[in-house]
Amino acid sequence: MAFPQSVIDALWKRCGGLCECQRTTHSHTGRCNARLSDGKWHAHHVVSVAAGGADTLANAEALCVPCHEKTLSYGG
């Protein structure tokens, strides 16, 4: 499933244009904070829909493309 536009808009506002990734397995310490731009970021499910996650803001994070590609669920 995909996030509705209202969630994507709220996510963009919440992240302040910065990547929200905090994964310790990626090439940054703490929050990534890479600057996001149109078409260069993804809305990512924290808990996948297949695992019972919802298409809600509470289950969304804004990720830069490199961080999203490093997640185990990218493209799945």
PDB file of N, CA and C in Angstrom:
ATOM      1  N   MET A   1       0.846  -1.176   0.000  1.00  0.00           N
ATOM      2  CA  MET A   1       0.000   0.000   0.000  1.00  0.00           C
ATOM      3  C   MET A   1       0.890   1.237   0.000  1.00  0.00           C
ATOM      4  N   ALA A   2       0.284   2.310  -0.300  1.00  0.00           N
ATOM      5  CA  ALA A   2       1.013   3.577  -0.324  1.00  0.00           C
ATOM      6  C   ALA A   2       0.369   4.562   0.636  1.00  0.00           C
ATOM      7  N   PHE A   3       1.166   5.485   1.110  1.00  0.00           N
ATOM      8  CA  PHE A   3       0.647   6.516   1.994  1.00  0.00           C
ATOM      9  C   PHE A   3      -0.248   7.471   1.207  1.00  0.00           C
ATOM     10  N   PRO A   4      -1.356   7.909   1.809  1.00  0.00           N
ATOM     11  CA  PRO A   4      -2.168   8.930   1.143  1.00  0.00           C
ATOM     12  C   PRO A   4      -1.406  10.261   1.109  1.00  0.00           C
ATOM     13  N   GLN A   5      -1.763  11.110   0.177  1.00  0.00           N
ATOM     14  CA  GLN A   5      -1.075  12.395   0.015  1.00  0.00           C
ATOM     15  C   GLN A   5      -1.105  13.219   1.296  1.00  0.00           C
ATOM     16  N   SER A   6      -2.185  13.137   2.056  1.00  0.00           N
ATOM     17  CA  SER A   6      -2.269  13.910   3.304  1.00  0.00           C
ATOM     18  C   SER A   6      -1.184  13.485   4.291  1.00  0.00           C
ATOM     19  N   VAL A   7      -0.856  12.194   4.341  1.00  0.00           N
ATOM     20  CA  VAL A   7       0.207  11.702   5.227  1.00  0.00           C
ATOM     21  C   VAL A   7       1.567  12.150   4.695  1.00  0.00           C
ATOM     22  N   ILE A   8       1.767  12.070   3.402  1.00  0.00           N
ATOM     23  CA  ILE A   8       3.030  12.508   2.802  1.00  0.00           C
ATOM     24  C   ILE A   8       3.262  13.993   3.079  1.00  0.00           C
ATOM     25  N   ASP A   9       2.223  14.794   2.940  1.00  0.00           N
ATOM     26  CA  ASP A   9       2.343  16.232   3.210  1.00  0.00           C
ATOM     27  C   ASP A   9       2.683  16.487   4.679  1.00  0.00           C
ATOM     28  N   ALA A  10       2.016  15.788   5.586  1.00  0.00           N
ATOM     29  CA  ALA A  10       2.290  15.943   7.022  1.00  0.00           C
ATOM     30  C   ALA A  10       3.690  15.451   7.374  1.00  0.00           C
ATOM     31  N   LEU A  11       4.139  14.384   6.719  1.00  0.00           N
ATOM     32  CA  LEU A  11       5.475  13.844   6.943  1.00  0.00           C
ATOM     33  C   LEU A  11       6.529  14.855   6.513  1.00  0.00           C
ATOM     34  N   TRP A  12       6.326  15.475   5.353  1.00  0.00           N
ATOM     35  CA  TRP A  12       7.254  16.490   4.867  1.00  0.00           C
ATOM     36  C   TRP A  12       7.351  17.643   5.856  1.00  0.00           C
ATOM     37  N   LYS A  13       6.230  18.059   6.380  1.00  0.00           N
ATOM     38  CA  LYS A  13       6.210  19.152   7.348  1.00  0.00           C
ATOM     39  C   LYS A  13       6.945  18.738   8.628  1.00  0.00           C
ATOM     40  N   ARG A  14       6.685  17.516   9.105  1.00  0.00           N
ATOM     41  CA  ARG A  14       7.311  17.041  10.335  1.00  0.00           C
ATOM     42  C   ARG A  14       8.833  16.936  10.217  1.00  0.00           C
ATOM     43  N   CYS A  15       9.319  16.434   9.090  1.00  0.00           N
ATOM     44  CA  CYS A  15      10.756  16.195   8.947  1.00  0.00           C
ATOM     45  C   CYS A  15      11.550  17.466   8.700  1.00  0.00           C
ATOM     46  N   GLY A  16      10.881  18.536   8.315  1.00  0.00           N
ATOM     47  CA  GLY A  16      11.592  19.795   8.071  1.00  0.00           C
ATOM     48  C   GLY A  16      12.566  19.722   6.911  1.00  0.00           C
ATOM     49  N   GLY A  17      12.317  18.813   5.975  1.00  0.00           N
ATOM     50  CA  GLY A  17      13.183  18.684   4.802  1.00  0.00           C
ATOM     51  C   GLY A  17      14.472  17.924   5.063  1.00  0.00           C
ATOM     52  N   LEU A  18      14.521  17.176   6.195  1.00  0.00           N
ATOM     53  CA  LEU A  18      15.718  16.418   6.548  1.00  0.00           C
ATOM     54  C   LEU A  18      15.388  14.949   6.751  1.00  0.00           C
ATOM     55  N   CYS A  19      16.306  14.077   6.341  1.00  0.00           N
ATOM     56  CA  CYS A  19      16.130  12.644   6.503  1.00  0.00           C
ATOM     57  C   CYS A  19      15.979  12.300   7.985  1.00  0.00           C
ATOM     58  N   GLU A  20      15.010  11.440   8.294  1.00  0.00           N
ATOM     59  CA  GLU A  20      14.740  11.049   9.678  1.00  0.00           C
ATOM     60  C   GLU A  20      15.416   9.739  10.087  1.00  0.00           C
ATOM     61  N   CYS A  21      16.220   9.152   9.224  1.00  0.00           N
ATOM     62  CA  CYS A  21      16.842   7.859   9.516  1.00  0.00           C
ATOM     63  C   CYS A  21      17.745   7.941  10.744  1.00  0.00           C
ATOM     64  N   GLN A  22      17.546   6.980  11.651  1.00  0.00           N
ATOM     65  CA  GLN A  22      18.389   6.891  12.840  1.00  0.00           C
ATOM     66  C   GLN A  22      18.987   5.494  12.995  1.00  0.00           C
ATOM     67  N   ARG A  23      19.021   4.733  11.915  1.00  0.00           N
ATOM     68  CA  ARG A  23      19.522   3.367  11.978  1.00  0.00           C
ATOM     69  C   ARG A  23      21.029   3.338  12.224  1.00  0.00           C
ATOM     70  N   THR A  24      21.439   2.526  13.164  1.00  0.00           N
ATOM     71  CA  THR A  24      22.859   2.416  13.495  1.00  0.00           C
ATOM     72  C   THR A  24      23.628   1.615  12.453  1.00  0.00           C
ATOM     73  N   THR A  25      22.923   0.903  11.570  1.00  0.00           N
ATOM     74  CA  THR A  25      23.581   0.098  10.549  1.00  0.00           C
ATOM     75  C   THR A  25      23.912   0.896   9.289  1.00  0.00           C
ATOM     76  N   HIS A  26      23.513   2.164   9.241  1.00  0.00           N
ATOM     77  CA  HIS A  26      23.796   2.999   8.076  1.00  0.00           C
ATOM     78  C   HIS A  26      25.053   3.816   8.329  1.00  0.00           C
ATOM     79  N   SER A  27      25.504   4.526   7.344  1.00  0.00           N
ATOM     80  CA  SER A  27      26.813   5.195   7.415  1.00  0.00           C
ATOM     81  C   SER A  27      26.766   6.567   8.091  1.00  0.00           C
ATOM     82  N   HIS A  28      25.940   6.715   9.114  1.00  0.00           N
ATOM     83  CA  HIS A  28      25.881   7.963   9.868  1.00  0.00           C
ATOM     84  C   HIS A  28      25.716   7.646  11.348  1.00  0.00           C
ATOM     85  N   THR A  29      26.041   8.607  12.178  1.00  0.00           N
ATOM     86  CA  THR A  29      25.873   8.457  13.613  1.00  0.00           C
ATOM     87  C   THR A  29      24.697   9.322  14.033  1.00  0.00           C
ATOM     88  N   GLY A  30      23.757   8.761  14.774  1.00  0.00           N
ATOM     89  CA  GLY A  30      22.553   9.510  15.127  1.00  0.00           C
ATOM     90  C   GLY A  30      21.647   9.657  13.924  1.00  0.00           C
ATOM     91  N   ARG A  31      20.939  10.747  13.867  1.00  0.00           N
ATOM     92  CA  ARG A  31      20.031  11.001  12.748  1.00  0.00           C
ATOM     93  C   ARG A  31      20.828  11.407  11.512  1.00  0.00           C
ATOM     94  N   CYS A  32      20.416  10.904  10.359  1.00  0.00           N
ATOM     95  CA  CYS A  32      21.101  11.198   9.101  1.00  0.00           C
ATOM     96  C   CYS A  32      21.084  12.705   8.809  1.00  0.00           C
ATOM     97  N   ASN A  33      19.907  13.304   8.794  1.00  0.00           N
ATOM     98  CA  ASN A  33      19.732  14.733   8.533  1.00  0.00           C
ATOM     99  C   ASN A  33      20.170  15.194   7.146  1.00  0.00           C
ATOM    100  N   ALA A  34      20.278  14.276   6.186  1.00  0.00           N
ATOM    101  CA  ALA A  34      20.570  14.701   4.813  1.00  0.00           C
ATOM    102  C   ALA A  34      19.419  15.578   4.329  1.00  0.00           C
ATOM    103  N   ARG A  35      19.738  16.613   3.573  1.00  0.00           N
ATOM    104  CA  ARG A  35      18.717  17.507   3.048  1.00  0.00           C
ATOM    105  C   ARG A  35      17.922  16.781   1.966  1.00  0.00           C
ATOM    106  N   LEU A  36      16.607  16.832   2.093  1.00  0.00           N
ATOM    107  CA  LEU A  36      15.714  16.180   1.135  1.00  0.00           C
ATOM    108  C   LEU A  36      15.219  17.214   0.137  1.00  0.00           C
ATOM    109  N   SER A  37      14.950  16.778  -1.074  1.00  0.00           N
ATOM    110  CA  SER A  37      14.383  17.657  -2.093  1.00  0.00           C
ATOM    111  C   SER A  37      13.332  16.884  -2.874  1.00  0.00           C
ATOM    112  N   ASP A  38      12.533  17.600  -3.644  1.00  0.00           N
ATOM    113  CA  ASP A  38      11.461  16.963  -4.415  1.00  0.00           C
ATOM    114  C   ASP A  38      11.989  15.797  -5.230  1.00  0.00           C
ATOM    115  N   GLY A  39      11.334  14.655  -5.077  1.00  0.00           N
ATOM    116  CA  GLY A  39      11.688  13.475  -5.841  1.00  0.00           C
ATOM    117  C   GLY A  39      12.937  12.760  -5.363  1.00  0.00           C
ATOM    118  N   LYS A  40      13.576  13.280  -4.331  1.00  0.00           N
ATOM    119  CA  LYS A  40      14.818  12.682  -3.845  1.00  0.00           C
ATOM    120  C   LYS A  40      14.669  12.149  -2.421  1.00  0.00           C
ATOM    121  N   TRP A  41      13.442  11.794  -2.049  1.00  0.00           N
ATOM    122  CA  TRP A  41      13.199  11.201  -0.738  1.00  0.00           C
ATOM    123  C   TRP A  41      12.020  10.250  -0.840  1.00  0.00           C
ATOM    124  N   HIS A  42      11.905   9.360   0.144  1.00  0.00           N
ATOM    125  CA  HIS A  42      10.827   8.374   0.153  1.00  0.00           C
ATOM    126  C   HIS A  42      10.124   8.374   1.500  1.00  0.00           C
ATOM    127  N   ALA A  43       8.828   8.177   1.465  1.00  0.00           N
ATOM    128  CA  ALA A  43       8.046   7.934   2.678  1.00  0.00           C
ATOM    129  C   ALA A  43       8.143   6.435   2.943  1.00  0.00           C
ATOM    130  N   HIS A  44       8.665   6.067   4.104  1.00  0.00           N
ATOM    131  CA  HIS A  44       8.947   4.668   4.432  1.00  0.00           C
ATOM    132  C   HIS A  44       8.075   4.215   5.592  1.00  0.00           C
ATOM    133  N   HIS A  45       7.527   3.011   5.484  1.00  0.00           N
ATOM    134  CA  HIS A  45       6.766   2.414   6.584  1.00  0.00           C
ATOM    135  C   HIS A  45       7.743   1.930   7.658  1.00  0.00           C
ATOM    136  N   VAL A  46       7.560   2.363   8.899  1.00  0.00           N
ATOM    137  CA  VAL A  46       8.385   1.880  10.006  1.00  0.00           C
ATOM    138  C   VAL A  46       8.085   0.402  10.231  1.00  0.00           C
ATOM    139  N   VAL A  47       6.796   0.078  10.302  1.00  0.00           N
ATOM    140  CA  VAL A  47       6.331  -1.317  10.356  1.00  0.00           C
ATOM    141  C   VAL A  47       5.640  -1.573   9.034  1.00  0.00           C
ATOM    142  N   SER A  48       6.097  -2.555   8.294  1.00  0.00           N
ATOM    143  CA  SER A  48       5.536  -2.816   6.962  1.00  0.00           C
ATOM    144  C   SER A  48       4.048  -3.145   7.045  1.00  0.00           C
ATOM    145  N   VAL A  49       3.356  -2.882   5.965  1.00  0.00           N
ATOM    146  CA  VAL A  49       1.934  -3.216   5.880  1.00  0.00           C
ATOM    147  C   VAL A  49       1.753  -4.719   6.050  1.00  0.00           C
ATOM    148  N   ALA A  50       2.650  -5.507   5.472  1.00  0.00           N
ATOM    149  CA  ALA A  50       2.575  -6.964   5.585  1.00  0.00           C
ATOM    150  C   ALA A  50       2.683  -7.431   7.034  1.00  0.00           C
ATOM    151  N   ALA A  51       3.376  -6.646   7.855  1.00  0.00           N
ATOM    152  CA  ALA A  51       3.546  -6.993   9.267  1.00  0.00           C
ATOM    153  C   ALA A  51       2.502  -6.316  10.149  1.00  0.00           C
ATOM    154  N   GLY A  52       1.500  -5.708   9.518  1.00  0.00           N
ATOM    155  CA  GLY A  52       0.412  -5.088  10.270  1.00  0.00           C
ATOM    156  C   GLY A  52       0.510  -3.583  10.434  1.00  0.00           C
ATOM    157  N   GLY A  53       1.490  -2.965   9.805  1.00  0.00           N
ATOM    158  CA  GLY A  53       1.641  -1.510   9.879  1.00  0.00           C
ATOM    159  C   GLY A  53       0.601  -0.793   9.049  1.00  0.00           C
ATOM    160  N   ALA A  54       0.274   0.409   9.466  1.00  0.00           N
ATOM    161  CA  ALA A  54      -0.757   1.203   8.788  1.00  0.00           C
ATOM    162  C   ALA A  54      -0.116   2.309   7.951  1.00  0.00           C
ATOM    163  N   ASP A  55      -0.915   2.849   7.046  1.00  0.00           N
ATOM    164  CA  ASP A  55      -0.494   3.974   6.209  1.00  0.00           C
ATOM    165  C   ASP A  55      -0.778   5.284   6.935  1.00  0.00           C
ATOM    166  N   THR A  56      -0.168   5.448   8.111  1.00  0.00           N
ATOM    167  CA  THR A  56      -0.416   6.620   8.953  1.00  0.00           C
ATOM    168  C   THR A  56       0.884   7.380   9.198  1.00  0.00           C
ATOM    169  N   LEU A  57       0.760   8.621   9.629  1.00  0.00           N
ATOM    170  CA  LEU A  57       1.927   9.427   9.937  1.00  0.00           C
ATOM    171  C   LEU A  57       2.742   8.803  11.068  1.00  0.00           C
ATOM    172  N   ALA A  58       2.070   8.207  12.040  1.00  0.00           N
ATOM    173  CA  ALA A  58       2.768   7.576  13.164  1.00  0.00           C
ATOM    174  C   ALA A  58       3.634   6.400  12.718  1.00  0.00           C
ATOM    175  N   ASN A  59       3.336   5.832  11.557  1.00  0.00           N
ATOM    176  CA  ASN A  59       4.081   4.682  11.038  1.00  0.00           C
ATOM    177  C   ASN A  59       4.924   5.065   9.820  1.00  0.00           C
ATOM    178  N   ALA A  60       5.250   6.337   9.697  1.00  0.00           N
ATOM    179  CA  ALA A  60       5.983   6.815   8.531  1.00  0.00           C
ATOM    180  C   ALA A  60       7.262   7.518   8.956  1.00  0.00           C
ATOM    181  N   GLU A  61       8.263   7.417   8.099  1.00  0.00           N
ATOM    182  CA  GLU A  61       9.472   8.209   8.283  1.00  0.00           C
ATOM    183  C   GLU A  61       9.955   8.676   6.917  1.00  0.00           C
ATOM    184  N   ALA A  62      10.488   9.883   6.881  1.00  0.00           N
ATOM    185  CA  ALA A  62      11.034  10.445   5.651  1.00  0.00           C
ATOM    186  C   ALA A  62      12.496  10.039   5.543  1.00  0.00           C
ATOM    187  N   LEU A  63      12.830   9.358   4.457  1.00  0.00           N
ATOM    188  CA  LEU A  63      14.201   8.881   4.266  1.00  0.00           C
ATOM    189  C   LEU A  63      14.778   9.404   2.957  1.00  0.00           C
ATOM    190  N   CYS A  64      16.067   9.759   2.995  1.00  0.00           N
ATOM    191  CA  CYS A  64      16.756  10.072   1.750  1.00  0.00           C
ATOM    192  C   CYS A  64      16.877   8.753   0.973  1.00  0.00           C
ATOM    193  N   VAL A  65      17.078   8.835  -0.304  1.00  0.00           N
ATOM    194  CA  VAL A  65      17.138   7.632  -1.134  1.00  0.00           C
ATOM    195  C   VAL A  65      18.253   6.678  -0.669  1.00  0.00           C
ATOM    196  N   PRO A  66      19.475   7.159  -0.380  1.00  0.00           N
ATOM    197  CA  PRO A  66      20.507   6.212   0.077  1.00  0.00           C
ATOM    198  C   PRO A  66      20.120   5.470   1.359  1.00  0.00           C
ATOM    199  N   CYS A  67      19.507   6.165   2.323  1.00  0.00           N
ATOM    200  CA  CYS A  67      19.087   5.488   3.553  1.00  0.00           C
ATOM    201  C   CYS A  67      17.972   4.481   3.264  1.00  0.00           C
ATOM    202  N   HIS A  68      17.024   4.853   2.412  1.00  0.00           N
ATOM    203  CA  HIS A  68      15.934   3.936   2.101  1.00  0.00           C
ATOM    204  C   HIS A  68      16.457   2.688   1.393  1.00  0.00           C
ATOM    205  N   GLU A  69      17.406   2.853   0.501  1.00  0.00           N
ATOM    206  CA  GLU A  69      17.957   1.706  -0.216  1.00  0.00           C
ATOM    207  C   GLU A  69      18.684   0.743   0.718  1.00  0.00           C
ATOM    208  N   LYS A  70      19.152   1.225   1.862  1.00  0.00           N
ATOM    209  CA  LYS A  70      19.852   0.370   2.831  1.00  0.00           C
ATOM    210  C   LYS A  70      18.915  -0.377   3.771  1.00  0.00           C
ATOM    211  N   THR A  71      17.635  -0.032   3.768  1.00  0.00           N
ATOM    212  CA  THR A  71      16.694  -0.745   4.628  1.00  0.00           C
ATOM    213  C   THR A  71      16.462  -2.138   4.069  1.00  0.00           C
ATOM    214  N   LEU A  72      16.142  -3.060   4.941  1.00  0.00           N
ATOM    215  CA  LEU A  72      15.922  -4.450   4.509  1.00  0.00           C
ATOM    216  C   LEU A  72      14.657  -4.612   3.696  1.00  0.00           C
ATOM    217  N   SER A  73      13.761  -3.628   3.759  1.00  0.00           N
ATOM    218  CA  SER A  73      12.480  -3.755   3.065  1.00  0.00           C
ATOM    219  C   SER A  73      12.410  -2.921   1.786  1.00  0.00           C
ATOM    220  N   TYR A  74      13.491  -2.285   1.380  1.00  0.00           N
ATOM    221  CA  TYR A  74      13.463  -1.457   0.180  1.00  0.00           C
ATOM    222  C   TYR A  74      13.105  -2.292  -1.036  1.00  0.00           C
ATOM    223  N   GLY A  75      12.143  -1.808  -1.800  1.00  0.00           N
ATOM    224  CA  GLY A  75      11.735  -2.490  -3.021  1.00  0.00           C
ATOM    225  C   GLY A  75      10.861  -3.706  -2.791  1.00  0.00           C
ATOM    226  N   GLY A  76      10.539  -3.983  -1.523  1.00  0.00           N
ATOM    227  CA  GLY A  76       9.738  -5.163  -1.221  1.00  0.00           C
ATOM    228  C   GLY A  76       8.297  -4.888  -0.984  1.00  0.00           C
TER     229      GLY A  76
END
